[in-house]
Amino acid sequence: MNQKALEQMRDFYAVNIKYAEDMIEFLKKYRWVSKALDDQRSDDEVINEQVEMHRRLIDNYSRSISMLETRIRAAQ
């Protein structure tokens, strides 16, 4: 993979990290919950689950960016 493609992937992951961070802020600020009518979990449980999912995405994207940065430096 060439350097430009690696940089594009890095930028794509960075945008997704920002989106996940914005979603965490949105969930906490507006306490927005979407669940099935028969879902018995509390709103807090659903929000916490969604926040944790976005944190895992941030962790995964951060690791990917780190690996891409290494490959980009090696390609220079």
PDB file of N, CA and C in Angstrom:
ATOM      1  N   MET A   1       0.851  -1.167   0.000  1.00  0.00           N
ATOM      2  CA  MET A   1       0.000   0.000   0.000  1.00  0.00           C
ATOM      3  C   MET A   1       0.904   1.240   0.000  1.00  0.00           C
ATOM      4  N   ASN A   2       0.561   2.226  -0.819  1.00  0.00           N
ATOM      5  CA  ASN A   2       1.415   3.412  -0.890  1.00  0.00           C
ATOM      6  C   ASN A   2       1.129   4.390   0.251  1.00  0.00           C
ATOM      7  N   GLN A   3       1.999   5.366   0.394  1.00  0.00           N
ATOM      8  CA  GLN A   3       1.910   6.305   1.508  1.00  0.00           C
ATOM      9  C   GLN A   3       0.607   7.098   1.480  1.00  0.00           C
ATOM     10  N   LYS A   4       0.175   7.512   0.318  1.00  0.00           N
ATOM     11  CA  LYS A   4      -1.067   8.293   0.207  1.00  0.00           C
ATOM     12  C   LYS A   4      -2.270   7.488   0.700  1.00  0.00           C
ATOM     13  N   ALA A   5      -2.339   6.228   0.322  1.00  0.00           N
ATOM     14  CA  ALA A   5      -3.440   5.369   0.771  1.00  0.00           C
ATOM     15  C   ALA A   5      -3.408   5.193   2.287  1.00  0.00           C
ATOM     16  N   LEU A   6      -2.212   5.025   2.849  1.00  0.00           N
ATOM     17  CA  LEU A   6      -2.081   4.893   4.300  1.00  0.00           C
ATOM     18  C   LEU A   6      -2.543   6.169   5.002  1.00  0.00           C
ATOM     19  N   GLU A   7      -2.169   7.311   4.455  1.00  0.00           N
ATOM     20  CA  GLU A   7      -2.577   8.587   5.045  1.00  0.00           C
ATOM     21  C   GLU A   7      -4.089   8.776   4.958  1.00  0.00           C
ATOM     22  N   GLN A   8      -4.698   8.343   3.859  1.00  0.00           N
ATOM     23  CA  GLN A   8      -6.150   8.443   3.719  1.00  0.00           C
ATOM     24  C   GLN A   8      -6.859   7.557   4.748  1.00  0.00           C
ATOM     25  N   MET A   9      -6.318   6.371   4.966  1.00  0.00           N
ATOM     26  CA  MET A   9      -6.900   5.477   5.971  1.00  0.00           C
ATOM     27  C   MET A   9      -6.779   6.103   7.357  1.00  0.00           C
ATOM     28  N   ARG A  10      -5.610   6.669   7.656  1.00  0.00           N
ATOM     29  CA  ARG A  10      -5.395   7.324   8.950  1.00  0.00           C
ATOM     30  C   ARG A  10      -6.413   8.447   9.144  1.00  0.00           C
ATOM     31  N   ASP A  11      -6.603   9.262   8.111  1.00  0.00           N
ATOM     32  CA  ASP A  11      -7.549  10.376   8.199  1.00  0.00           C
ATOM     33  C   ASP A  11      -8.980   9.876   8.371  1.00  0.00           C
ATOM     34  N   PHE A  12      -9.323   8.784   7.697  1.00  0.00           N
ATOM     35  CA  PHE A  12     -10.651   8.185   7.834  1.00  0.00           C
ATOM     36  C   PHE A  12     -10.889   7.745   9.281  1.00  0.00           C
ATOM     37  N   TYR A  13      -9.908   7.088   9.878  1.00  0.00           N
ATOM     38  CA  TYR A  13     -10.036   6.655  11.268  1.00  0.00           C
ATOM     39  C   TYR A  13     -10.128   7.845  12.215  1.00  0.00           C
ATOM     40  N   ALA A  14      -9.388   8.902  11.939  1.00  0.00           N
ATOM     41  CA  ALA A  14      -9.434  10.101  12.784  1.00  0.00           C
ATOM     42  C   ALA A  14     -10.828  10.729  12.760  1.00  0.00           C
ATOM     43  N   VAL A  15     -11.452  10.759  11.591  1.00  0.00           N
ATOM     44  CA  VAL A  15     -12.813  11.288  11.475  1.00  0.00           C
ATOM     45  C   VAL A  15     -13.776  10.418  12.284  1.00  0.00           C
ATOM     46  N   ASN A  16     -13.595   9.120  12.232  1.00  0.00           N
ATOM     47  CA  ASN A  16     -14.470   8.212  12.979  1.00  0.00           C
ATOM     48  C   ASN A  16     -14.276   8.343  14.483  1.00  0.00           C
ATOM     49  N   ILE A  17     -13.064   8.629  14.914  1.00  0.00           N
ATOM     50  CA  ILE A  17     -12.824   8.878  16.344  1.00  0.00           C
ATOM     51  C   ILE A  17     -13.592  10.123  16.772  1.00  0.00           C
ATOM     52  N   LYS A  18     -13.514  11.173  15.984  1.00  0.00           N
ATOM     53  CA  LYS A  18     -14.231  12.413  16.305  1.00  0.00           C
ATOM     54  C   LYS A  18     -15.736  12.152  16.364  1.00  0.00           C
ATOM     55  N   TYR A  19     -16.250  11.371  15.423  1.00  0.00           N
ATOM     56  CA  TYR A  19     -17.671  11.038  15.427  1.00  0.00           C
ATOM     57  C   TYR A  19     -18.049  10.292  16.709  1.00  0.00           C
ATOM     58  N   ALA A  20     -17.246   9.318  17.101  1.00  0.00           N
ATOM     59  CA  ALA A  20     -17.528   8.543  18.311  1.00  0.00           C
ATOM     60  C   ALA A  20     -17.478   9.435  19.549  1.00  0.00           C
ATOM     61  N   GLU A  21     -16.513  10.346  19.597  1.00  0.00           N
ATOM     62  CA  GLU A  21     -16.429  11.284  20.727  1.00  0.00           C
ATOM     63  C   GLU A  21     -17.665  12.176  20.770  1.00  0.00           C
ATOM     64  N   ASP A  22     -18.089  12.649  19.608  1.00  0.00           N
ATOM     65  CA  ASP A  22     -19.297  13.479  19.544  1.00  0.00           C
ATOM     66  C   ASP A  22     -20.534  12.703  19.978  1.00  0.00           C
ATOM     67  N   MET A  23     -20.605  11.435  19.600  1.00  0.00           N
ATOM     68  CA  MET A  23     -21.758  10.612  20.002  1.00  0.00           C
ATOM     69  C   MET A  23     -21.780  10.410  21.517  1.00  0.00           C
ATOM     70  N   ILE A  24     -20.620  10.192  22.129  1.00  0.00           N
ATOM     71  CA  ILE A  24     -20.571  10.043  23.588  1.00  0.00           C
ATOM     72  C   ILE A  24     -21.089  11.315  24.246  1.00  0.00           C
ATOM     73  N   GLU A  25     -20.625  12.456  23.769  1.00  0.00           N
ATOM     74  CA  GLU A  25     -21.076  13.736  24.321  1.00  0.00           C
ATOM     75  C   GLU A  25     -22.586  13.905  24.136  1.00  0.00           C
ATOM     76  N   PHE A  26     -23.082  13.568  22.948  1.00  0.00           N
ATOM     77  CA  PHE A  26     -24.512  13.670  22.651  1.00  0.00           C
ATOM     78  C   PHE A  26     -25.334  12.782  23.586  1.00  0.00           C
ATOM     79  N   LEU A  27     -24.909  11.533  23.730  1.00  0.00           N
ATOM     80  CA  LEU A  27     -25.636  10.592  24.587  1.00  0.00           C
ATOM     81  C   LEU A  27     -25.714  11.088  26.021  1.00  0.00           C
ATOM     82  N   LYS A  28     -24.601  11.596  26.514  1.00  0.00           N
ATOM     83  CA  LYS A  28     -24.569  12.070  27.898  1.00  0.00           C
ATOM     84  C   LYS A  28     -25.350  13.371  28.082  1.00  0.00           C
ATOM     85  N   LYS A  29     -25.209  14.271  27.121  1.00  0.00           N
ATOM     86  CA  LYS A  29     -25.854  15.580  27.250  1.00  0.00           C
ATOM     87  C   LYS A  29     -27.370  15.486  27.120  1.00  0.00           C
ATOM     88  N   TYR A  30     -27.823  14.779  26.111  1.00  0.00           N
ATOM     89  CA  TYR A  30     -29.260  14.729  25.836  1.00  0.00           C
ATOM     90  C   TYR A  30     -29.941  13.467  26.348  1.00  0.00           C
ATOM     91  N   ARG A  31     -29.136  12.542  26.899  1.00  0.00           N
ATOM     92  CA  ARG A  31     -29.662  11.280  27.432  1.00  0.00           C
ATOM     93  C   ARG A  31     -30.581  10.606  26.406  1.00  0.00           C
ATOM     94  N   TRP A  32     -30.120  10.585  25.167  1.00  0.00           N
ATOM     95  CA  TRP A  32     -30.881  10.027  24.060  1.00  0.00           C
ATOM     96  C   TRP A  32     -30.815   8.507  24.111  1.00  0.00           C
ATOM     97  N   VAL A  33     -31.984   7.870  24.083  1.00  0.00           N
ATOM     98  CA  VAL A  33     -32.054   6.414  24.170  1.00  0.00           C
ATOM     99  C   VAL A  33     -32.997   5.894  23.088  1.00  0.00           C
ATOM    100  N   SER A  34     -32.547   4.854  22.427  1.00  0.00           N
ATOM    101  CA  SER A  34     -33.388   4.180  21.440  1.00  0.00           C
ATOM    102  C   SER A  34     -33.374   2.693  21.784  1.00  0.00           C
ATOM    103  N   LYS A  35     -34.524   2.189  22.154  1.00  0.00           N
ATOM    104  CA  LYS A  35     -34.609   0.770  22.508  1.00  0.00           C
ATOM    105  C   LYS A  35     -35.988   0.236  22.162  1.00  0.00           C
ATOM    106  N   ALA A  36     -36.072  -1.063  22.092  1.00  0.00           N
ATOM    107  CA  ALA A  36     -37.346  -1.722  21.783  1.00  0.00           C
ATOM    108  C   ALA A  36     -38.342  -1.470  22.916  1.00  0.00           C
ATOM    109  N   LEU A  37     -39.598  -1.477  22.576  1.00  0.00           N
ATOM    110  CA  LEU A  37     -40.636  -1.229  23.577  1.00  0.00           C
ATOM    111  C   LEU A  37     -40.616  -2.237  24.724  1.00  0.00           C
ATOM    112  N   ASP A  38     -40.217  -3.471  24.427  1.00  0.00           N
ATOM    113  CA  ASP A  38     -40.199  -4.499  25.472  1.00  0.00           C
ATOM    114  C   ASP A  38     -38.837  -4.611  26.173  1.00  0.00           C
ATOM    115  N   ASP A  39     -37.922  -3.705  25.883  1.00  0.00           N
ATOM    116  CA  ASP A  39     -36.610  -3.695  26.525  1.00  0.00           C
ATOM    117  C   ASP A  39     -36.781  -3.175  27.953  1.00  0.00           C
ATOM    118  N   GLN A  40     -36.446  -3.998  28.918  1.00  0.00           N
ATOM    119  CA  GLN A  40     -36.672  -3.662  30.321  1.00  0.00           C
ATOM    120  C   GLN A  40     -35.495  -2.945  30.977  1.00  0.00           C
ATOM    121  N   ARG A  41     -34.419  -2.748  30.224  1.00  0.00           N
ATOM    122  CA  ARG A  41     -33.267  -2.072  30.816  1.00  0.00           C
ATOM    123  C   ARG A  41     -33.588  -0.598  31.055  1.00  0.00           C
ATOM    124  N   SER A  42     -32.919  -0.033  32.061  1.00  0.00           N
ATOM    125  CA  SER A  42     -33.106   1.388  32.334  1.00  0.00           C
ATOM    126  C   SER A  42     -32.418   2.213  31.247  1.00  0.00           C
ATOM    127  N   ASP A  43     -32.824   3.461  31.144  1.00  0.00           N
ATOM    128  CA  ASP A  43     -32.186   4.357  30.184  1.00  0.00           C
ATOM    129  C   ASP A  43     -30.686   4.465  30.472  1.00  0.00           C
ATOM    130  N   ASP A  44     -30.331   4.519  31.746  1.00  0.00           N
ATOM    131  CA  ASP A  44     -28.917   4.611  32.120  1.00  0.00           C
ATOM    132  C   ASP A  44     -28.124   3.406  31.626  1.00  0.00           C
ATOM    133  N   GLU A  45     -28.697   2.223  31.734  1.00  0.00           N
ATOM    134  CA  GLU A  45     -28.012   1.022  31.256  1.00  0.00           C
ATOM    135  C   GLU A  45     -27.762   1.088  29.752  1.00  0.00           C
ATOM    136  N   VAL A  46     -28.764   1.520  29.011  1.00  0.00           N
ATOM    137  CA  VAL A  46     -28.638   1.604  27.559  1.00  0.00           C
ATOM    138  C   VAL A  46     -27.612   2.670  27.182  1.00  0.00           C
ATOM    139  N   ILE A  47     -27.674   3.823  27.825  1.00  0.00           N
ATOM    140  CA  ILE A  47     -26.715   4.898  27.550  1.00  0.00           C
ATOM    141  C   ILE A  47     -25.301   4.422  27.859  1.00  0.00           C
ATOM    142  N   ASN A  48     -25.114   3.791  29.010  1.00  0.00           N
ATOM    143  CA  ASN A  48     -23.777   3.304  29.377  1.00  0.00           C
ATOM    144  C   ASN A  48     -23.260   2.273  28.379  1.00  0.00           C
ATOM    145  N   GLU A  49     -24.142   1.419  27.908  1.00  0.00           N
ATOM    146  CA  GLU A  49     -23.753   0.426  26.906  1.00  0.00           C
ATOM    147  C   GLU A  49     -23.306   1.108  25.607  1.00  0.00           C
ATOM    148  N   GLN A  50     -24.056   2.115  25.181  1.00  0.00           N
ATOM    149  CA  GLN A  50     -23.705   2.846  23.964  1.00  0.00           C
ATOM    150  C   GLN A  50     -22.395   3.620  24.131  1.00  0.00           C
ATOM    151  N   VAL A  51     -22.217   4.241  25.292  1.00  0.00           N
ATOM    152  CA  VAL A  51     -20.971   4.978  25.562  1.00  0.00           C
ATOM    153  C   VAL A  51     -19.783   4.020  25.521  1.00  0.00           C
ATOM    154  N   GLU A  52     -19.913   2.862  26.140  1.00  0.00           N
ATOM    155  CA  GLU A  52     -18.816   1.884  26.141  1.00  0.00           C
ATOM    156  C   GLU A  52     -18.526   1.378  24.727  1.00  0.00           C
ATOM    157  N   MET A  53     -19.567   1.186  23.934  1.00  0.00           N
ATOM    158  CA  MET A  53     -19.358   0.756  22.557  1.00  0.00           C
ATOM    159  C   MET A  53     -18.544   1.799  21.793  1.00  0.00           C
ATOM    160  N   HIS A  54     -18.873   3.072  21.974  1.00  0.00           N
ATOM    161  CA  HIS A  54     -18.133   4.133  21.288  1.00  0.00           C
ATOM    162  C   HIS A  54     -16.707   4.250  21.823  1.00  0.00           C
ATOM    163  N   ARG A  55     -16.516   4.012  23.106  1.00  0.00           N
ATOM    164  CA  ARG A  55     -15.148   4.020  23.653  1.00  0.00           C
ATOM    165  C   ARG A  55     -14.306   2.890  23.060  1.00  0.00           C
ATOM    166  N   ARG A  56     -14.917   1.727  22.882  1.00  0.00           N
ATOM    167  CA  ARG A  56     -14.183   0.622  22.243  1.00  0.00           C
ATOM    168  C   ARG A  56     -13.819   0.971  20.808  1.00  0.00           C
ATOM    169  N   LEU A  57     -14.747   1.619  20.098  1.00  0.00           N
ATOM    170  CA  LEU A  57     -14.442   2.061  18.731  1.00  0.00           C
ATOM    171  C   LEU A  57     -13.259   3.028  18.734  1.00  0.00           C
ATOM    172  N   ILE A  58     -13.264   3.971  19.666  1.00  0.00           N
ATOM    173  CA  ILE A  58     -12.162   4.931  19.769  1.00  0.00           C
ATOM    174  C   ILE A  58     -10.851   4.203  20.030  1.00  0.00           C
ATOM    175  N   ASP A  59     -10.858   3.242  20.937  1.00  0.00           N
ATOM    176  CA  ASP A  59      -9.643   2.465  21.227  1.00  0.00           C
ATOM    177  C   ASP A  59      -9.161   1.721  19.985  1.00  0.00           C
ATOM    178  N   ASN A  60     -10.081   1.073  19.292  1.00  0.00           N
ATOM    179  CA  ASN A  60      -9.705   0.315  18.087  1.00  0.00           C
ATOM    180  C   ASN A  60      -9.174   1.232  16.986  1.00  0.00           C
ATOM    181  N   TYR A  61      -9.862   2.336  16.757  1.00  0.00           N
ATOM    182  CA  TYR A  61      -9.395   3.275  15.734  1.00  0.00           C
ATOM    183  C   TYR A  61      -8.053   3.883  16.122  1.00  0.00           C
ATOM    184  N   SER A  62      -7.854   4.151  17.407  1.00  0.00           N
ATOM    185  CA  SER A  62      -6.578   4.714  17.871  1.00  0.00           C
ATOM    186  C   SER A  62      -5.432   3.734  17.621  1.00  0.00           C
ATOM    187  N   ARG A  63      -5.660   2.462  17.904  1.00  0.00           N
ATOM    188  CA  ARG A  63      -4.635   1.451  17.625  1.00  0.00           C
ATOM    189  C   ARG A  63      -4.342   1.370  16.129  1.00  0.00           C
ATOM    190  N   SER A  64      -5.385   1.434  15.329  1.00  0.00           N
ATOM    191  CA  SER A  64      -5.195   1.391  13.877  1.00  0.00           C
ATOM    192  C   SER A  64      -4.394   2.596  13.394  1.00  0.00           C
ATOM    193  N   ILE A  65      -4.701   3.765  13.929  1.00  0.00           N
ATOM    194  CA  ILE A  65      -3.945   4.965  13.555  1.00  0.00           C
ATOM    195  C   ILE A  65      -2.485   4.815  13.943  1.00  0.00           C
ATOM    196  N   SER A  66      -2.237   4.292  15.114  1.00  0.00           N
ATOM    197  CA  SER A  66      -0.863   4.087  15.567  1.00  0.00           C
ATOM    198  C   SER A  66      -0.098   3.166  14.606  1.00  0.00           C
ATOM    199  N   MET A  67      -0.727   2.073  14.210  1.00  0.00           N
ATOM    200  CA  MET A  67      -0.089   1.152  13.266  1.00  0.00           C
ATOM    201  C   MET A  67       0.125   1.822  11.909  1.00  0.00           C
ATOM    202  N   LEU A  68      -0.848   2.594  11.462  1.00  0.00           N
ATOM    203  CA  LEU A  68      -0.705   3.291  10.190  1.00  0.00           C
ATOM    204  C   LEU A  68       0.413   4.323  10.253  1.00  0.00           C
ATOM    205  N   GLU A  69       0.516   5.032  11.379  1.00  0.00           N
ATOM    206  CA  GLU A  69       1.590   6.013  11.542  1.00  0.00           C
ATOM    207  C   GLU A  69       2.950   5.340  11.419  1.00  0.00           C
ATOM    208  N   THR A  70       3.073   4.169  12.010  1.00  0.00           N
ATOM    209  CA  THR A  70       4.334   3.415  11.919  1.00  0.00           C
ATOM    210  C   THR A  70       4.632   3.071  10.473  1.00  0.00           C
ATOM    211  N   ARG A  71       3.631   2.592   9.748  1.00  0.00           N
ATOM    212  CA  ARG A  71       3.817   2.236   8.342  1.00  0.00           C
ATOM    213  C   ARG A  71       4.115   3.461   7.482  1.00  0.00           C
ATOM    214  N   ILE A  72       3.486   4.591   7.807  1.00  0.00           N
ATOM    215  CA  ILE A  72       3.719   5.823   7.050  1.00  0.00           C
ATOM    216  C   ILE A  72       5.167   6.282   7.247  1.00  0.00           C
ATOM    217  N   ARG A  73       5.639   6.255   8.495  1.00  0.00           N
ATOM    218  CA  ARG A  73       7.033   6.644   8.766  1.00  0.00           C
ATOM    219  C   ARG A  73       8.003   5.715   8.053  1.00  0.00           C
ATOM    220  N   ALA A  74       7.681   4.435   8.026  1.00  0.00           N
ATOM    221  CA  ALA A  74       8.564   3.461   7.365  1.00  0.00           C
ATOM    222  C   ALA A  74       8.583   3.676   5.854  1.00  0.00           C
ATOM    223  N   ALA A  75       7.500   4.176   5.300  1.00  0.00           N
ATOM    224  CA  ALA A  75       7.406   4.388   3.853  1.00  0.00           C
ATOM    225  C   ALA A  75       8.121   5.656   3.394  1.00  0.00           C
ATOM    226  N   GLN A  76       8.445   6.514   4.326  1.00  0.00           N
ATOM    227  CA  GLN A  76       9.090   7.790   3.958  1.00  0.00           C
ATOM    228  C   GLN A  76      10.558   7.626   3.681  1.00  0.00           C
TER     229      GLN A  76
END
